[in-house]
Amino acid sequence: MMESDRNYLSREEVDSKLIKGEYVHTFKQGGMALLGCDWKREDILKLIDNGNKAELSGEMATNMGHGVVVWDGDSPLFCETVGDKT
């Protein structure tokens, strides 16, 4: 994906898109498999506070209900969002 195609999000935009509650389901690429787990909402938002970027996910992750990516260093963390499952 080209840099100009990315849709970066603010902390507030991410917070409004995440599913409600203290924990948010996430997944990361783990070699040949996707690794899913629940993260504390505040820990996800702290990644952004610490200078990590957040953006809209691509079509595949969005269709899986994980419409936001928050970068954890060089590793994308796909986060479950409201209303994205098809």
N, C-alpha and C. Protein backbone atom coordinates (compact mmCIF):
# COMPACT_ATOMS: atom_id res chain seq x y z
N MET A 1 0.85 -1.17 0.00
CA MET A 1 0.00 0.00 0.00
C MET A 1 0.89 1.23 0.00
N MET A 2 0.52 2.19 -0.83
CA MET A 2 1.29 3.43 -0.90
C MET A 2 0.91 4.33 0.27
N GLU A 3 1.85 5.13 0.70
CA GLU A 3 1.62 6.04 1.83
C GLU A 3 0.40 6.92 1.59
N SER A 4 0.20 7.36 0.36
CA SER A 4 -0.93 8.25 0.05
C SER A 4 -2.28 7.53 0.16
N ASP A 5 -2.27 6.19 0.16
CA ASP A 5 -3.51 5.42 0.26
C ASP A 5 -3.92 5.15 1.71
N ARG A 6 -3.07 5.49 2.65
CA ARG A 6 -3.35 5.21 4.06
C ARG A 6 -4.29 6.26 4.64
N ASN A 7 -5.17 5.80 5.53
CA ASN A 7 -6.11 6.69 6.21
C ASN A 7 -5.79 6.67 7.70
N TYR A 8 -4.91 7.58 8.13
CA TYR A 8 -4.48 7.61 9.52
C TYR A 8 -5.58 8.15 10.41
N LEU A 9 -5.60 7.66 11.63
CA LEU A 9 -6.65 8.00 12.60
C LEU A 9 -6.04 8.59 13.86
N SER A 10 -6.78 9.50 14.49
CA SER A 10 -6.37 10.04 15.78
C SER A 10 -6.77 9.07 16.88
N ARG A 11 -6.27 9.31 18.07
CA ARG A 11 -6.63 8.50 19.24
C ARG A 11 -8.15 8.51 19.43
N GLU A 12 -8.76 9.67 19.30
CA GLU A 12 -10.20 9.80 19.49
C GLU A 12 -10.98 9.04 18.43
N GLU A 13 -10.51 9.07 17.20
CA GLU A 13 -11.18 8.32 16.13
C GLU A 13 -11.09 6.82 16.38
N VAL A 14 -9.92 6.35 16.80
CA VAL A 14 -9.76 4.93 17.11
C VAL A 14 -10.69 4.55 18.26
N ASP A 15 -10.70 5.34 19.31
CA ASP A 15 -11.53 5.04 20.48
C ASP A 15 -13.01 4.93 20.08
N SER A 16 -13.45 5.78 19.17
CA SER A 16 -14.86 5.75 18.77
C SER A 16 -15.19 4.56 17.87
N LYS A 17 -14.19 4.00 17.18
CA LYS A 17 -14.42 2.88 16.27
C LYS A 17 -14.32 1.52 16.96
N LEU A 18 -13.55 1.45 18.05
CA LEU A 18 -13.39 0.17 18.75
C LEU A 18 -14.71 -0.28 19.37
N ILE A 19 -14.89 -1.62 19.46
CA ILE A 19 -16.07 -2.12 20.15
C ILE A 19 -16.06 -1.58 21.57
N LYS A 20 -17.22 -1.47 22.15
CA LYS A 20 -17.33 -0.92 23.50
C LYS A 20 -16.87 -1.95 24.53
N GLY A 21 -16.36 -1.45 25.63
CA GLY A 21 -15.95 -2.32 26.72
C GLY A 21 -14.50 -2.13 27.09
N GLU A 22 -14.12 -2.78 28.18
CA GLU A 22 -12.75 -2.66 28.70
C GLU A 22 -11.74 -3.41 27.84
N TYR A 23 -12.19 -4.50 27.18
CA TYR A 23 -11.31 -5.33 26.36
C TYR A 23 -11.77 -5.32 24.91
N VAL A 24 -10.81 -5.40 23.99
CA VAL A 24 -11.07 -5.39 22.56
C VAL A 24 -10.38 -6.61 21.95
N HIS A 25 -11.12 -7.37 21.13
CA HIS A 25 -10.49 -8.50 20.45
C HIS A 25 -9.53 -7.98 19.39
N THR A 26 -8.37 -8.59 19.29
CA THR A 26 -7.34 -8.19 18.33
C THR A 26 -6.75 -9.44 17.70
N PHE A 27 -6.02 -9.22 16.60
CA PHE A 27 -5.18 -10.29 16.08
C PHE A 27 -3.94 -9.70 15.44
N LYS A 28 -2.90 -10.54 15.43
CA LYS A 28 -1.62 -10.21 14.80
C LYS A 28 -1.22 -11.39 13.93
N GLN A 29 -0.38 -11.12 12.96
CA GLN A 29 0.19 -12.19 12.15
C GLN A 29 1.23 -12.91 12.99
N GLY A 30 1.12 -14.21 13.08
CA GLY A 30 2.07 -14.99 13.86
C GLY A 30 2.68 -16.09 13.03
N GLY A 31 3.59 -15.73 12.13
CA GLY A 31 4.16 -16.72 11.23
C GLY A 31 3.12 -17.15 10.21
N MET A 32 2.72 -18.42 10.27
CA MET A 32 1.76 -18.96 9.30
C MET A 32 0.33 -18.87 9.80
N ALA A 33 0.11 -18.28 10.95
CA ALA A 33 -1.24 -18.23 11.53
C ALA A 33 -1.54 -16.83 12.07
N LEU A 34 -2.81 -16.57 12.26
CA LEU A 34 -3.23 -15.35 12.94
C LEU A 34 -3.36 -15.66 14.42
N LEU A 35 -2.82 -14.81 15.26
CA LEU A 35 -2.91 -14.98 16.70
C LEU A 35 -3.89 -13.96 17.25
N GLY A 36 -4.96 -14.43 17.86
CA GLY A 36 -5.97 -13.54 18.40
C GLY A 36 -5.93 -13.52 19.91
N CYS A 37 -6.21 -12.36 20.46
CA CYS A 37 -6.34 -12.23 21.90
C CYS A 37 -7.05 -10.92 22.22
N ASP A 38 -7.51 -10.81 23.45
CA ASP A 38 -8.15 -9.57 23.90
C ASP A 38 -7.10 -8.68 24.54
N TRP A 39 -7.12 -7.41 24.16
CA TRP A 39 -6.24 -6.39 24.74
C TRP A 39 -7.09 -5.43 25.53
N LYS A 40 -6.52 -4.87 26.59
CA LYS A 40 -7.20 -3.79 27.28
C LYS A 40 -7.31 -2.60 26.35
N ARG A 41 -8.49 -2.01 26.29
CA ARG A 41 -8.73 -0.84 25.45
C ARG A 41 -7.69 0.25 25.72
N GLU A 42 -7.43 0.53 27.00
CA GLU A 42 -6.47 1.58 27.35
C GLU A 42 -5.06 1.25 26.87
N ASP A 43 -4.68 -0.02 26.84
CA ASP A 43 -3.35 -0.39 26.35
C ASP A 43 -3.24 -0.15 24.84
N ILE A 44 -4.32 -0.38 24.12
CA ILE A 44 -4.33 -0.07 22.68
C ILE A 44 -4.17 1.43 22.48
N LEU A 45 -4.93 2.21 23.22
CA LEU A 45 -4.87 3.66 23.08
C LEU A 45 -3.51 4.21 23.52
N LYS A 46 -2.87 3.55 24.50
CA LYS A 46 -1.53 3.98 24.94
C LYS A 46 -0.50 3.81 23.82
N LEU A 47 -0.69 2.81 22.95
CA LEU A 47 0.22 2.66 21.81
C LEU A 47 0.22 3.95 20.98
N ILE A 48 -0.97 4.50 20.76
CA ILE A 48 -1.09 5.74 19.99
C ILE A 48 -0.48 6.90 20.77
N ASP A 49 -0.77 6.96 22.07
CA ASP A 49 -0.20 8.02 22.92
C ASP A 49 1.32 8.01 22.88
N ASN A 50 1.91 6.83 22.69
CA ASN A 50 3.36 6.68 22.66
C ASN A 50 3.95 6.88 21.27
N GLY A 51 3.15 7.40 20.35
CA GLY A 51 3.68 7.77 19.03
C GLY A 51 3.48 6.75 17.93
N ASN A 52 2.82 5.63 18.22
CA ASN A 52 2.55 4.65 17.18
C ASN A 52 1.38 5.12 16.33
N LYS A 53 1.41 4.79 15.05
CA LYS A 53 0.36 5.20 14.14
C LYS A 53 -0.84 4.25 14.22
N ALA A 54 -1.99 4.79 13.85
CA ALA A 54 -3.22 4.01 13.74
C ALA A 54 -3.86 4.38 12.41
N GLU A 55 -4.49 3.40 11.78
CA GLU A 55 -5.11 3.64 10.47
C GLU A 55 -6.25 2.67 10.24
N LEU A 56 -7.02 2.95 9.19
CA LEU A 56 -8.06 2.02 8.79
C LEU A 56 -7.43 0.76 8.22
N SER A 57 -8.04 -0.38 8.50
CA SER A 57 -7.55 -1.66 7.97
C SER A 57 -7.90 -1.79 6.51
N GLY A 58 -7.29 -2.75 5.87
CA GLY A 58 -7.64 -3.09 4.51
C GLY A 58 -8.95 -3.85 4.45
N GLU A 59 -9.36 -4.18 3.26
CA GLU A 59 -10.66 -4.81 3.04
C GLU A 59 -10.80 -6.16 3.77
N MET A 60 -9.79 -7.00 3.72
CA MET A 60 -9.90 -8.33 4.32
C MET A 60 -10.10 -8.24 5.84
N ALA A 61 -9.27 -7.48 6.53
CA ALA A 61 -9.39 -7.37 7.98
C ALA A 61 -10.70 -6.68 8.36
N THR A 62 -11.09 -5.67 7.59
CA THR A 62 -12.35 -4.97 7.86
C THR A 62 -13.52 -5.93 7.73
N ASN A 63 -13.50 -6.77 6.70
CA ASN A 63 -14.57 -7.77 6.53
C ASN A 63 -14.59 -8.81 7.64
N MET A 64 -13.48 -8.94 8.34
CA MET A 64 -13.40 -9.85 9.50
C MET A 64 -13.79 -9.13 10.79
N GLY A 65 -14.24 -7.87 10.66
CA GLY A 65 -14.68 -7.11 11.83
C GLY A 65 -13.57 -6.40 12.58
N HIS A 66 -12.40 -6.29 11.97
CA HIS A 66 -11.25 -5.65 12.60
C HIS A 66 -10.81 -4.49 11.71
N GLY A 67 -11.55 -3.38 11.79
CA GLY A 67 -11.42 -2.28 10.85
C GLY A 67 -10.37 -1.24 11.19
N VAL A 68 -9.63 -1.45 12.27
CA VAL A 68 -8.58 -0.50 12.67
C VAL A 68 -7.28 -1.27 12.91
N VAL A 69 -6.19 -0.69 12.45
CA VAL A 69 -4.84 -1.21 12.73
C VAL A 69 -4.12 -0.20 13.59
N VAL A 70 -3.59 -0.65 14.72
CA VAL A 70 -2.71 0.17 15.54
C VAL A 70 -1.34 -0.50 15.50
N TRP A 71 -0.35 0.27 15.15
CA TRP A 71 0.99 -0.31 15.02
C TRP A 71 1.65 -0.42 16.39
N ASP A 72 2.15 -1.61 16.66
CA ASP A 72 2.90 -1.92 17.87
C ASP A 72 4.35 -2.05 17.45
N GLY A 73 5.03 -0.90 17.33
CA GLY A 73 6.35 -0.88 16.72
C GLY A 73 6.18 -1.14 15.23
N ASP A 74 6.80 -2.22 14.73
CA ASP A 74 6.68 -2.59 13.31
C ASP A 74 5.60 -3.65 13.08
N SER A 75 4.87 -4.00 14.11
CA SER A 75 3.89 -5.08 14.02
C SER A 75 2.47 -4.53 14.04
N PRO A 76 1.67 -4.85 13.02
CA PRO A 76 0.29 -4.36 13.00
C PRO A 76 -0.60 -5.15 13.97
N LEU A 77 -1.38 -4.42 14.75
CA LEU A 77 -2.35 -5.00 15.67
C LEU A 77 -3.74 -4.64 15.14
N PHE A 78 -4.45 -5.64 14.64
CA PHE A 78 -5.78 -5.43 14.06
C PHE A 78 -6.81 -5.49 15.18
N CYS A 79 -7.64 -4.47 15.27
CA CYS A 79 -8.56 -4.31 16.40
C CYS A 79 -10.01 -4.41 15.95
N GLU A 80 -10.82 -5.11 16.76
CA GLU A 80 -12.23 -5.27 16.44
C GLU A 80 -12.96 -3.94 16.55
N THR A 81 -13.79 -3.68 15.56
CA THR A 81 -14.50 -2.41 15.47
C THR A 81 -16.00 -2.63 15.34
N VAL A 82 -16.72 -1.60 15.61
CA VAL A 82 -18.18 -1.63 15.57
C VAL A 82 -18.65 -1.61 14.12
N GLY A 83 -19.53 -2.54 13.76
CA GLY A 83 -20.22 -2.50 12.49
C GLY A 83 -19.45 -2.82 11.25
N ASP A 84 -18.30 -3.50 11.34
CA ASP A 84 -17.51 -3.77 10.14
C ASP A 84 -17.67 -5.19 9.59
N LYS A 85 -18.28 -6.12 10.33
CA LYS A 85 -18.39 -7.49 9.84
C LYS A 85 -19.36 -7.56 8.67
N THR A 86 -18.97 -8.34 7.65
CA THR A 86 -19.87 -8.53 6.52
C THR A 86 -20.37 -9.96 6.49
